[in-house]
PDB file of N, CA and C in Angstrom:
ATOM      1  N   MET A   1     111.193 126.006 105.036  1.00  0.00           N
ATOM      2  CA  MET A   1     111.993 124.858 104.481  1.00  0.00           C
ATOM      3  C   MET A   1     111.237 124.166 103.633  1.00  0.00           C
ATOM      4  N   SER A   2     111.946 123.771 102.510  1.00  0.00           N
ATOM      5  CA  SER A   2     111.311 122.854 101.466  1.00  0.00           C
ATOM      6  C   SER A   2     111.822 121.519 101.498  1.00  0.00           C
ATOM      7  N   PRO A   3     111.120 120.481 100.878  1.00  0.00           N
ATOM      8  CA  PRO A   3     111.535 119.206 100.706  1.00  0.00           C
ATOM      9  C   PRO A   3     112.870 119.099 100.148  1.00  0.00           C
ATOM     10  N   GLY A   4     113.835 118.327 100.837  1.00  0.00           N
ATOM     11  CA  GLY A   4     115.225 118.339 100.247  1.00  0.00           C
ATOM     12  C   GLY A   4     116.223 119.451 100.855  1.00  0.00           C
ATOM     13  N   ASP A   5     115.644 120.346 101.629  1.00  0.00           N
ATOM     14  CA  ASP A   5     116.343 121.432 102.364  1.00  0.00           C
ATOM     15  C   ASP A   5     116.616 120.850 103.665  1.00  0.00           C
ATOM     16  N   PHE A   6     117.850 120.210 103.803  1.00  0.00           N
ATOM     17  CA  PHE A   6     118.078 119.668 105.131  1.00  0.00           C
ATOM     18  C   PHE A   6     119.012 120.706 106.061  1.00  0.00           C
ATOM     19  N   ASN A   7     119.401 121.802 105.640  1.00  0.00           N
ATOM     20  CA  ASN A   7     119.889 122.804 106.400  1.00  0.00           C
ATOM     21  C   ASN A   7     119.139 123.954 106.665  1.00  0.00           C
ATOM     22  N   GLY A   8     117.995 124.157 106.112  1.00  0.00           N
ATOM     23  CA  GLY A   8     117.147 125.267 106.372  1.00  0.00           C
ATOM     24  C   GLY A   8     117.389 126.431 105.635  1.00  0.00           C
ATOM     25  N   ASP A   9     118.323 126.538 104.515  1.00  0.00           N
ATOM     26  CA  ASP A   9     118.590 127.780 103.900  1.00  0.00           C
ATOM     27  C   ASP A   9     117.772 128.066 102.603  1.00  0.00           C
ATOM     28  N   GLY A  10     116.656 127.253 102.406  1.00  0.00           N
ATOM     29  CA  GLY A  10     115.736 127.306 101.264  1.00  0.00           C
ATOM     30  C   GLY A  10     116.222 126.864 100.001  1.00  0.00           C
ATOM     31  N   LYS A  11     117.506 126.029  99.952  1.00  0.00           N
ATOM     32  CA  LYS A  11     118.026 125.606  98.756  1.00  0.00           C
ATOM     33  C   LYS A  11     117.782 124.144  98.776  1.00  0.00           C
ATOM     34  N   SER A  12     117.827 123.262  97.752  1.00  0.00           N
ATOM     35  CA  SER A  12     117.711 121.870  97.664  1.00  0.00           C
ATOM     36  C   SER A  12     119.313 121.329  98.127  1.00  0.00           C
ATOM     37  N   ASP A  13     119.179 120.242  98.936  1.00  0.00           N
ATOM     38  CA  ASP A  13     120.541 119.792  99.295  1.00  0.00           C
ATOM     39  C   ASP A  13     120.356 118.256  99.103  1.00  0.00           C
ATOM     40  N   VAL A  14     121.601 117.412  99.256  1.00  0.00           N
ATOM     41  CA  VAL A  14     121.610 116.038  99.099  1.00  0.00           C
ATOM     42  C   VAL A  14     122.227 115.433 100.344  1.00  0.00           C
ATOM     43  N   LEU A  15     121.711 114.375 100.719  1.00  0.00           N
ATOM     44  CA  LEU A  15     122.491 113.581 101.793  1.00  0.00           C
ATOM     45  C   LEU A  15     123.036 112.285 101.103  1.00  0.00           C
ATOM     46  N   ALA A  16     124.126 111.914 101.442  1.00  0.00           N
ATOM     47  CA  ALA A  16     124.835 110.759 100.861  1.00  0.00           C
ATOM     48  C   ALA A  16     125.674 109.852 101.919  1.00  0.00           C
ATOM     49  N   ARG A  17     125.687 108.638 101.766  1.00  0.00           N
ATOM     50  CA  ARG A  17     126.413 107.773 102.539  1.00  0.00           C
ATOM     51  C   ARG A  17     127.712 107.224 101.836  1.00  0.00           C
ATOM     52  N   ASP A  18     128.854 107.107 102.490  1.00  0.00           N
ATOM     53  CA  ASP A  18     129.989 106.521 101.904  1.00  0.00           C
ATOM     54  C   ASP A  18     130.162 105.167 102.341  1.00  0.00           C
ATOM     55  N   SER A  19     131.085 104.382 101.783  1.00  0.00           N
ATOM     56  CA  SER A  19     131.243 102.877 101.987  1.00  0.00           C
ATOM     57  C   SER A  19     131.513 102.692 103.560  1.00  0.00           C
ATOM     58  N   GLY A  20     132.081 103.720 104.250  1.00  0.00           N
ATOM     59  CA  GLY A  20     132.610 103.648 105.518  1.00  0.00           C
ATOM     60  C   GLY A  20     131.474 103.783 106.606  1.00  0.00           C
ATOM     61  N   GLY A  21     130.432 104.328 105.926  1.00  0.00           N
ATOM     62  CA  GLY A  21     129.315 104.538 106.925  1.00  0.00           C
ATOM     63  C   GLY A  21     129.026 105.989 107.360  1.00  0.00           C
ATOM     64  N   SER A  22     129.880 106.932 106.841  1.00  0.00           N
ATOM     65  CA  SER A  22     129.590 108.312 107.133  1.00  0.00           C
ATOM     66  C   SER A  22     128.630 108.943 106.130  1.00  0.00           C
ATOM     67  N   LEU A  23     127.816 109.798 107.055  1.00  0.00           N
ATOM     68  CA  LEU A  23     126.696 110.487 106.197  1.00  0.00           C
ATOM     69  C   LEU A  23     127.070 111.919 105.858  1.00  0.00           C
ATOM     70  N   TRP A  24     127.038 112.297 104.637  1.00  0.00           N
ATOM     71  CA  TRP A  24     127.622 113.567 104.190  1.00  0.00           C
ATOM     72  C   TRP A  24     126.281 114.475 103.801  1.00  0.00           C
ATOM     73  N   LEU A  25     126.198 115.858 104.024  1.00  0.00           N
ATOM     74  CA  LEU A  25     125.305 116.779 103.417  1.00  0.00           C
ATOM     75  C   LEU A  25     126.140 117.437 102.509  1.00  0.00           C
ATOM     76  N   TYR A  26     125.599 117.595 101.086  1.00  0.00           N
ATOM     77  CA  TYR A  26     126.123 118.356 100.059  1.00  0.00           C
ATOM     78  C   TYR A  26     124.913 119.397 100.079  1.00  0.00           C
ATOM     79  N   PRO A  27     125.473 120.625 100.546  1.00  0.00           N
ATOM     80  CA  PRO A  27     124.438 121.843 100.583  1.00  0.00           C
ATOM     81  C   PRO A  27     124.314 122.303  98.926  1.00  0.00           C
ATOM     82  N   GLY A  28     123.173 122.561  98.554  1.00  0.00           N
ATOM     83  CA  GLY A  28     122.919 123.226  97.246  1.00  0.00           C
ATOM     84  C   GLY A  28     123.294 124.732  97.307  1.00  0.00           C
ATOM     85  N   ASN A  29     123.820 125.236  96.182  1.00  0.00           N
ATOM     86  CA  ASN A  29     124.332 126.573  96.084  1.00  0.00           C
ATOM     87  C   ASN A  29     123.212 127.490  95.538  1.00  0.00           C
ATOM     88  N   GLY A  30     121.936 126.839  95.139  1.00  0.00           N
ATOM     89  CA  GLY A  30     120.976 127.580  94.601  1.00  0.00           C
ATOM     90  C   GLY A  30     121.101 127.993  93.064  1.00  0.00           C
ATOM     91  N   HIS A  31     122.233 127.397  92.400  1.00  0.00           N
ATOM     92  CA  HIS A  31     122.481 127.684  91.135  1.00  0.00           C
ATOM     93  C   HIS A  31     122.630 126.346  90.317  1.00  0.00           C
ATOM     94  N   GLY A  32     122.262 125.234  90.954  1.00  0.00           N
ATOM     95  CA  GLY A  32     122.447 123.999  90.203  1.00  0.00           C
ATOM     96  C   GLY A  32     123.729 123.264  90.678  1.00  0.00           C
ATOM     97  N   GLY A  33     124.469 123.787  91.423  1.00  0.00           N
ATOM     98  CA  GLY A  33     125.686 123.306  92.070  1.00  0.00           C
ATOM     99  C   GLY A  33     125.677 123.107  93.451  1.00  0.00           C
ATOM    100  N   TRP A  34     126.856 122.833  94.069  1.00  0.00           N
ATOM    101  CA  TRP A  34     127.105 122.148  95.573  1.00  0.00           C
ATOM    102  C   TRP A  34     128.033 122.942  96.075  1.00  0.00           C
ATOM    103  N   LEU A  35     127.951 123.298  97.382  1.00  0.00           N
ATOM    104  CA  LEU A  35     128.853 123.756  98.360  1.00  0.00           C
ATOM    105  C   LEU A  35     129.604 122.598  98.813  1.00  0.00           C
ATOM    106  N   ALA A  36     130.729 122.921  99.599  1.00  0.00           N
ATOM    107  CA  ALA A  36     131.679 121.942 100.297  1.00  0.00           C
ATOM    108  C   ALA A  36     130.838 120.943 101.317  1.00  0.00           C
ATOM    109  N   ARG A  37     130.964 119.539 101.083  1.00  0.00           N
ATOM    110  CA  ARG A  37     130.152 118.611 101.740  1.00  0.00           C
ATOM    111  C   ARG A  37     130.609 118.811 103.453  1.00  0.00           C
ATOM    112  N   VAL A  38     129.714 118.397 104.114  1.00  0.00           N
ATOM    113  CA  VAL A  38     129.680 118.380 105.373  1.00  0.00           C
ATOM    114  C   VAL A  38     129.351 117.062 106.190  1.00  0.00           C
ATOM    115  N   LYS A  39     130.142 116.585 106.975  1.00  0.00           N
ATOM    116  CA  LYS A  39     130.006 115.424 107.617  1.00  0.00           C
ATOM    117  C   LYS A  39     128.774 115.588 108.679  1.00  0.00           C
ATOM    118  N   VAL A  40     127.728 114.909 108.551  1.00  0.00           N
ATOM    119  CA  VAL A  40     126.696 115.082 109.571  1.00  0.00           C
ATOM    120  C   VAL A  40     126.336 113.780 110.381  1.00  0.00           C
ATOM    121  N   GLY A  41     127.226 112.777 110.293  1.00  0.00           N
ATOM    122  CA  GLY A  41     126.737 111.628 110.925  1.00  0.00           C
ATOM    123  C   GLY A  41     127.834 110.482 110.546  1.00  0.00           C
ATOM    124  N   SER A  42     127.880 109.273 111.482  1.00  0.00           N
ATOM    125  CA  SER A  42     128.670 108.102 111.135  1.00  0.00           C
ATOM    126  C   SER A  42     127.735 106.855 111.619  1.00  0.00           C
ATOM    127  N   GLY A  43     128.244 105.740 111.299  1.00  0.00           N
ATOM    128  CA  GLY A  43     127.607 104.487 111.755  1.00  0.00           C
ATOM    129  C   GLY A  43     126.530 104.156 110.901  1.00  0.00           C
ATOM    130  N   TRP A  44     126.392 104.600 109.561  1.00  0.00           N
ATOM    131  CA  TRP A  44     125.236 104.492 108.744  1.00  0.00           C
ATOM    132  C   TRP A  44     125.483 103.251 107.745  1.00  0.00           C
ATOM    133  N   ASN A  45     126.595 102.433 107.863  1.00  0.00           N
ATOM    134  CA  ASN A  45     126.903 101.431 107.045  1.00  0.00           C
ATOM    135  C   ASN A  45     125.840 100.403 107.146  1.00  0.00           C
ATOM    136  N   GLY A  46     125.135 100.084 108.270  1.00  0.00           N
ATOM    137  CA  GLY A  46     124.307  99.071 108.500  1.00  0.00           C
ATOM    138  C   GLY A  46     122.939  99.163 107.685  1.00  0.00           C
ATOM    139  N   PHE A  47     122.614 100.206 107.098  1.00  0.00           N
ATOM    140  CA  PHE A  47     121.576 100.632 106.297  1.00  0.00           C
ATOM    141  C   PHE A  47     121.858 100.292 104.889  1.00  0.00           C
ATOM    142  N   THR A  48     120.772  99.913 104.031  1.00  0.00           N
ATOM    143  CA  THR A  48     120.819  99.563 102.700  1.00  0.00           C
ATOM    144  C   THR A  48     120.234 100.535 101.910  1.00  0.00           C
ATOM    145  N   ALA A  49     119.257 101.500 102.545  1.00  0.00           N
ATOM    146  CA  ALA A  49     118.648 102.605 101.838  1.00  0.00           C
ATOM    147  C   ALA A  49     118.516 103.825 102.771  1.00  0.00           C
ATOM    148  N   LEU A  50     118.727 104.892 102.143  1.00  0.00           N
ATOM    149  CA  LEU A  50     118.321 106.162 102.938  1.00  0.00           C
ATOM    150  C   LEU A  50     117.045 106.888 102.266  1.00  0.00           C
ATOM    151  N   VAL A  51     116.085 107.062 102.924  1.00  0.00           N
ATOM    152  CA  VAL A  51     114.969 107.709 102.284  1.00  0.00           C
ATOM    153  C   VAL A  51     114.456 108.972 102.980  1.00  0.00           C
TER     154      VAL A  51
END
């Protein structure tokens, strides 16, 4: 698993939070693009930064 690989497939991914507090995983496709986002959490609207 590499840094930024949140789903363990060996490709870089992105985590993002929307204004409603939902946390989304945008899996990388290994070619500079993204696969369909996946909701991985909720209640994150109390945080000002995700590191």
